[in-house]
C-alpha atoms as a PDB file:
ATOM      1  CA  UNK A   1     -18.020  43.816 -32.526  1.00  0.00           C
ATOM      2  CA  UNK A   2     -14.787  41.752 -32.265  1.00  0.00           C
ATOM      3  CA  UNK A   3     -14.601  42.387 -28.459  1.00  0.00           C
ATOM      4  CA  UNK A   4     -18.091  41.222 -28.002  1.00  0.00           C
ATOM      5  CA  UNK A   5     -17.311  38.057 -30.193  1.00  0.00           C
ATOM      6  CA  UNK A   6     -14.099  37.461 -28.135  1.00  0.00           C
ATOM      7  CA  UNK A   7     -15.802  37.726 -24.908  1.00  0.00           C
ATOM      8  CA  UNK A   8     -18.432  35.233 -26.011  1.00  0.00           C
ATOM      9  CA  UNK A   9     -15.719  32.723 -27.105  1.00  0.00           C
ATOM     10  CA  UNK A  10     -13.979  33.089 -23.731  1.00  0.00           C
ATOM     11  CA  UNK A  11     -17.178  32.617 -21.800  1.00  0.00           C
ATOM     12  CA  UNK A  12     -18.180  29.634 -23.759  1.00  0.00           C
ATOM     13  CA  UNK A  13     -14.608  28.106 -23.353  1.00  0.00           C
ATOM     14  CA  UNK A  14     -15.007  28.795 -19.485  1.00  0.00           C
ATOM     15  CA  UNK A  15     -18.512  26.989 -19.527  1.00  0.00           C
ATOM     16  CA  UNK A  16     -17.146  24.146 -21.632  1.00  0.00           C
ATOM     17  CA  UNK A  17     -14.105  23.766 -19.214  1.00  0.00           C
ATOM     18  CA  UNK A  18     -16.516  23.605 -16.211  1.00  0.00           C
ATOM     19  CA  UNK A  19     -18.764  21.287 -18.120  1.00  0.00           C
ATOM     20  CA  UNK A  20     -15.979  18.902 -18.749  1.00  0.00           C
ATOM     21  CA  UNK A  21     -14.704  19.052 -15.087  1.00  0.00           C
ATOM     22  CA  UNK A  22     -18.280  18.130 -13.957  1.00  0.00           C
ATOM     23  CA  UNK A  23     -18.441  15.290 -16.689  1.00  0.00           C
ATOM     24  CA  UNK A  24     -15.110  14.125 -15.370  1.00  0.00           C
ATOM     25  CA  UNK A  25     -16.082  14.134 -11.727  1.00  0.00           C
ATOM     26  CA  UNK A  26     -19.412  12.242 -12.517  1.00  0.00           C
ATOM     27  CA  UNK A  27     -17.504   9.661 -14.940  1.00  0.00           C
ATOM     28  CA  UNK A  28     -15.080   8.949 -12.215  1.00  0.00           C
ATOM     29  CA  UNK A  29     -17.910   7.379 -10.184  1.00  0.00           C
ATOM     30  CA  UNK A  30     -19.085   5.101 -13.098  1.00  0.00           C
ATOM     31  CA  UNK A  31     -17.626   1.731 -13.962  1.00  0.00           C
ATOM     32  CA  UNK A  32     -16.476   0.851 -17.591  1.00  0.00           C
ATOM     33  CA  UNK A  33     -18.561  -2.105 -18.324  1.00  0.00           C
ATOM     34  CA  UNK A  34     -15.946  -3.347 -20.836  1.00  0.00           C
ATOM     35  CA  UNK A  35     -12.779  -2.881 -18.907  1.00  0.00           C
ATOM     36  CA  UNK A  36     -14.540  -3.483 -15.460  1.00  0.00           C
ATOM     37  CA  UNK A  37     -11.683  -2.339 -13.482  1.00  0.00           C
ATOM     38  CA  UNK A  38     -11.666   1.252 -14.712  1.00  0.00           C
ATOM     39  CA  UNK A  39     -13.950   4.183 -14.559  1.00  0.00           C
ATOM     40  CA  UNK A  40     -15.447   5.533 -17.704  1.00  0.00           C
ATOM     41  CA  UNK A  41     -13.257   8.709 -17.236  1.00  0.00           C
ATOM     42  CA  UNK A  42     -10.233   6.400 -17.656  1.00  0.00           C
ATOM     43  CA  UNK A  43     -11.183   4.003 -20.250  1.00  0.00           C
ATOM     44  CA  UNK A  44     -11.048   4.409 -24.042  1.00  0.00           C
ATOM     45  CA  UNK A  45     -13.422   1.696 -24.921  1.00  0.00           C
ATOM     46  CA  UNK A  46     -16.171   2.727 -27.303  1.00  0.00           C
ATOM     47  CA  UNK A  47     -18.804   2.166 -24.676  1.00  0.00           C
ATOM     48  CA  UNK A  48     -17.033   4.287 -22.073  1.00  0.00           C
ATOM     49  CA  UNK A  49     -16.870   7.164 -24.595  1.00  0.00           C
ATOM     50  CA  UNK A  50     -20.622   6.600 -25.239  1.00  0.00           C
ATOM     51  CA  UNK A  51     -21.219   6.747 -21.540  1.00  0.00           C
ATOM     52  CA  UNK A  52     -19.263   9.830 -20.979  1.00  0.00           C
ATOM     53  CA  UNK A  53     -21.257  11.423 -23.866  1.00  0.00           C
ATOM     54  CA  UNK A  54     -24.565  10.432 -22.248  1.00  0.00           C
ATOM     55  CA  UNK A  55     -23.407  11.980 -19.078  1.00  0.00           C
ATOM     56  CA  UNK A  56     -22.479  15.121 -20.710  1.00  0.00           C
ATOM     57  CA  UNK A  57     -25.894  15.249 -22.365  1.00  0.00           C
ATOM     58  CA  UNK A  58     -27.685  14.636 -19.067  1.00  0.00           C
ATOM     59  CA  UNK A  59     -25.658  17.431 -17.320  1.00  0.00           C
ATOM     60  CA  UNK A  60     -26.519  19.777 -20.196  1.00  0.00           C
ATOM     61  CA  UNK A  61     -30.127  18.761 -19.804  1.00  0.00           C
ATOM     62  CA  UNK A  62     -29.882  19.994 -16.188  1.00  0.00           C
ATOM     63  CA  UNK A  63     -29.998  16.680 -14.396  1.00  0.00           C
ATOM     64  CA  UNK A  64     -28.294  16.225 -10.914  1.00  0.00           C
ATOM     65  CA  UNK A  65     -25.426  13.899 -10.310  1.00  0.00           C
ATOM     66  CA  UNK A  66     -27.815  11.688  -8.337  1.00  0.00           C
ATOM     67  CA  UNK A  67     -30.380  11.758 -11.279  1.00  0.00           C
ATOM     68  CA  UNK A  68     -27.623  10.514 -13.651  1.00  0.00           C
ATOM     69  CA  UNK A  69     -26.345   7.931 -11.260  1.00  0.00           C
ATOM     70  CA  UNK A  70     -30.049   6.615 -11.043  1.00  0.00           C
ATOM     71  CA  UNK A  71     -30.404   6.590 -14.707  1.00  0.00           C
ATOM     72  CA  UNK A  72     -27.416   4.509 -15.172  1.00  0.00           C
ATOM     73  CA  UNK A  73     -28.178   2.135 -12.495  1.00  0.00           C
ATOM     74  CA  UNK A  74     -31.732   1.670 -13.981  1.00  0.00           C
ATOM     75  CA  UNK A  75     -30.136   1.023 -17.454  1.00  0.00           C
ATOM     76  CA  UNK A  76     -27.059  -1.151 -16.466  1.00  0.00           C
ATOM     77  CA  UNK A  77     -27.481  -2.232 -12.887  1.00  0.00           C
ATOM     78  CA  UNK A  78     -25.704  -1.536  -9.594  1.00  0.00           C
ATOM     79  CA  UNK A  79     -22.305  -2.759 -11.081  1.00  0.00           C
ATOM     80  CA  UNK A  80     -22.126   0.396 -13.189  1.00  0.00           C
ATOM     81  CA  UNK A  81     -21.329   2.391 -10.103  1.00  0.00           C
ATOM     82  CA  UNK A  82     -17.594   2.138  -9.222  1.00  0.00           C
ATOM     83  CA  UNK A  83     -18.530   1.908  -5.670  1.00  0.00           C
ATOM     84  CA  UNK A  84     -21.826   0.006  -5.711  1.00  0.00           C
ATOM     85  CA  UNK A  85     -24.070   0.658  -2.814  1.00  0.00           C
ATOM     86  CA  UNK A  86     -24.430  -2.039  -0.167  1.00  0.00           C
ATOM     87  CA  UNK A  87     -27.748  -3.875  -0.875  1.00  0.00           C
ATOM     88  CA  UNK A  88     -28.625  -7.601  -0.581  1.00  0.00           C
ATOM     89  CA  UNK A  89     -28.054  -7.795  -4.373  1.00  0.00           C
ATOM     90  CA  UNK A  90     -24.609  -6.367  -4.065  1.00  0.00           C
ATOM     91  CA  UNK A  91     -23.314  -8.363  -1.242  1.00  0.00           C
ATOM     92  CA  UNK A  92     -21.233 -10.542  -3.446  1.00  0.00           C
ATOM     93  CA  UNK A  93     -19.579  -7.596  -5.007  1.00  0.00           C
ATOM     94  CA  UNK A  94     -18.706  -6.241  -1.767  1.00  0.00           C
ATOM     95  CA  UNK A  95     -17.882  -9.450   0.154  1.00  0.00           C
ATOM     96  CA  UNK A  96     -17.042 -11.909  -2.596  1.00  0.00           C
ATOM     97  CA  UNK A  97     -13.214 -10.977  -2.802  1.00  0.00           C
ATOM     98  CA  UNK A  98     -12.848 -11.615   0.891  1.00  0.00           C
ATOM     99  CA  UNK A  99     -14.925 -14.918   0.635  1.00  0.00           C
ATOM    100  CA  UNK A 100     -12.546 -16.117  -2.090  1.00  0.00           C
ATOM    101  CA  UNK A 101      -9.504 -14.911  -0.058  1.00  0.00           C
ATOM    102  CA  UNK A 102     -10.482 -16.776   3.165  1.00  0.00           C
ATOM    103  CA  UNK A 103     -11.606 -19.771   1.107  1.00  0.00           C
ATOM    104  CA  UNK A 104      -8.422 -20.078  -0.586  1.00  0.00           C
ATOM    105  CA  UNK A 105      -6.443 -19.689   2.710  1.00  0.00           C
ATOM    106  CA  UNK A 106      -8.582 -22.398   4.223  1.00  0.00           C
ATOM    107  CA  UNK A 107      -7.906 -24.924   1.478  1.00  0.00           C
ATOM    108  CA  UNK A 108      -4.241 -23.903   1.330  1.00  0.00           C
ATOM    109  CA  UNK A 109      -3.939 -24.677   5.170  1.00  0.00           C
ATOM    110  CA  UNK A 110      -5.969 -27.844   4.751  1.00  0.00           C
ATOM    111  CA  UNK A 111      -3.701 -29.100   1.955  1.00  0.00           C
ATOM    112  CA  UNK A 112      -0.426 -28.311   3.846  1.00  0.00           C
ATOM    113  CA  UNK A 113      -1.759 -30.241   6.847  1.00  0.00           C
ATOM    114  CA  UNK A 114      -2.443 -33.151   4.628  1.00  0.00           C
ATOM    115  CA  UNK A 115       1.049 -33.106   3.308  1.00  0.00           C
ATOM    116  CA  UNK A 116       2.751 -33.414   6.598  1.00  0.00           C
ATOM    117  CA  UNK A 117       3.761 -36.987   7.191  1.00  0.00           C
ATOM    118  CA  UNK A 118       2.279 -38.495  10.403  1.00  0.00           C
ATOM    119  CA  UNK A 119       4.691 -39.676  13.161  1.00  0.00           C
ATOM    120  CA  UNK A 120       4.197 -43.375  13.640  1.00  0.00           C
ATOM    121  CA  UNK A 121       5.168 -45.199  16.762  1.00  0.00           C
ATOM    122  CA  UNK A 122       7.843 -47.775  16.305  1.00  0.00           C
ATOM    123  CA  UNK A 123       6.788 -51.453  16.921  1.00  0.00           C
ATOM    124  CA  UNK A 124       8.646 -53.306  19.559  1.00  0.00           C
ATOM    125  CA  UNK A 125      10.737 -55.249  17.267  1.00  0.00           C
ATOM    126  CA  UNK A 126      11.717 -52.051  15.548  1.00  0.00           C
ATOM    127  CA  UNK A 127      12.700 -50.358  18.957  1.00  0.00           C
ATOM    128  CA  UNK A 128      14.893 -53.428  19.784  1.00  0.00           C
ATOM    129  CA  UNK A 129      16.618 -53.206  16.542  1.00  0.00           C
ATOM    130  CA  UNK A 130      17.193 -49.573  16.872  1.00  0.00           C
ATOM    131  CA  UNK A 131      18.543 -50.028  20.311  1.00  0.00           C
ATOM    132  CA  UNK A 132      20.917 -52.808  19.022  1.00  0.00           C
ATOM    133  CA  UNK A 133      22.211 -50.449  16.337  1.00  0.00           C
ATOM    134  CA  UNK A 134      22.806 -47.708  18.832  1.00  0.00           C
ATOM    135  CA  UNK A 135      24.622 -50.056  21.227  1.00  0.00           C
ATOM    136  CA  UNK A 136      26.775 -51.596  18.538  1.00  0.00           C
ATOM    137  CA  UNK A 137      27.914 -48.028  17.523  1.00  0.00           C
ATOM    138  CA  UNK A 138      28.588 -47.067  21.059  1.00  0.00           C
ATOM    139  CA  UNK A 139      30.727 -50.271  21.677  1.00  0.00           C
ATOM    140  CA  UNK A 140      32.625 -49.777  18.406  1.00  0.00           C
ATOM    141  CA  UNK A 141      33.223 -45.984  17.973  1.00  0.00           C
ATOM    142  CA  UNK A 142      34.953 -45.112  14.727  1.00  0.00           C
ATOM    143  CA  UNK A 143      38.373 -43.644  15.270  1.00  0.00           C
ATOM    144  CA  UNK A 144      39.677 -40.937  13.438  1.00  0.00           C
ATOM    145  CA  UNK A 145      43.142 -41.115  12.075  1.00  0.00           C
ATOM    146  CA  UNK A 146      45.447 -38.312  13.059  1.00  0.00           C
ATOM    147  CA  UNK A 147      47.790 -37.138  10.446  1.00  0.00           C
ATOM    148  CA  UNK A 148      50.975 -35.367  11.503  1.00  0.00           C
END
């Protein structure tokens, strides 16, 4: 009798271990709606714990992984998928970071170009004045004193 009970406990533990691995695999593909940068497998938020429990229940009910994903998407939207599918409604999720990056680079380059001083041509009087200054320096070079 003890051997049968021990075997039942061992098979239940193995089933629970397989179930938990399956829950973890599915949970790693779902986003925590509180943290937003973690999967529900990694998050310790109350909502993530509830979602993991829902995943566990759905697996125990015999639902496939795709059925679970469809259920979560129907309930929370495409954002719940850690890697949301590419639809017209999710373009911003996929391409938004790149648009922000390129937009930021565009404005940075534009701002840097505005900061560069423009080179102005000297007027004729300014050119004559600079020529006089250069000629006066050439005629009277400064002499260095030698110390011995």
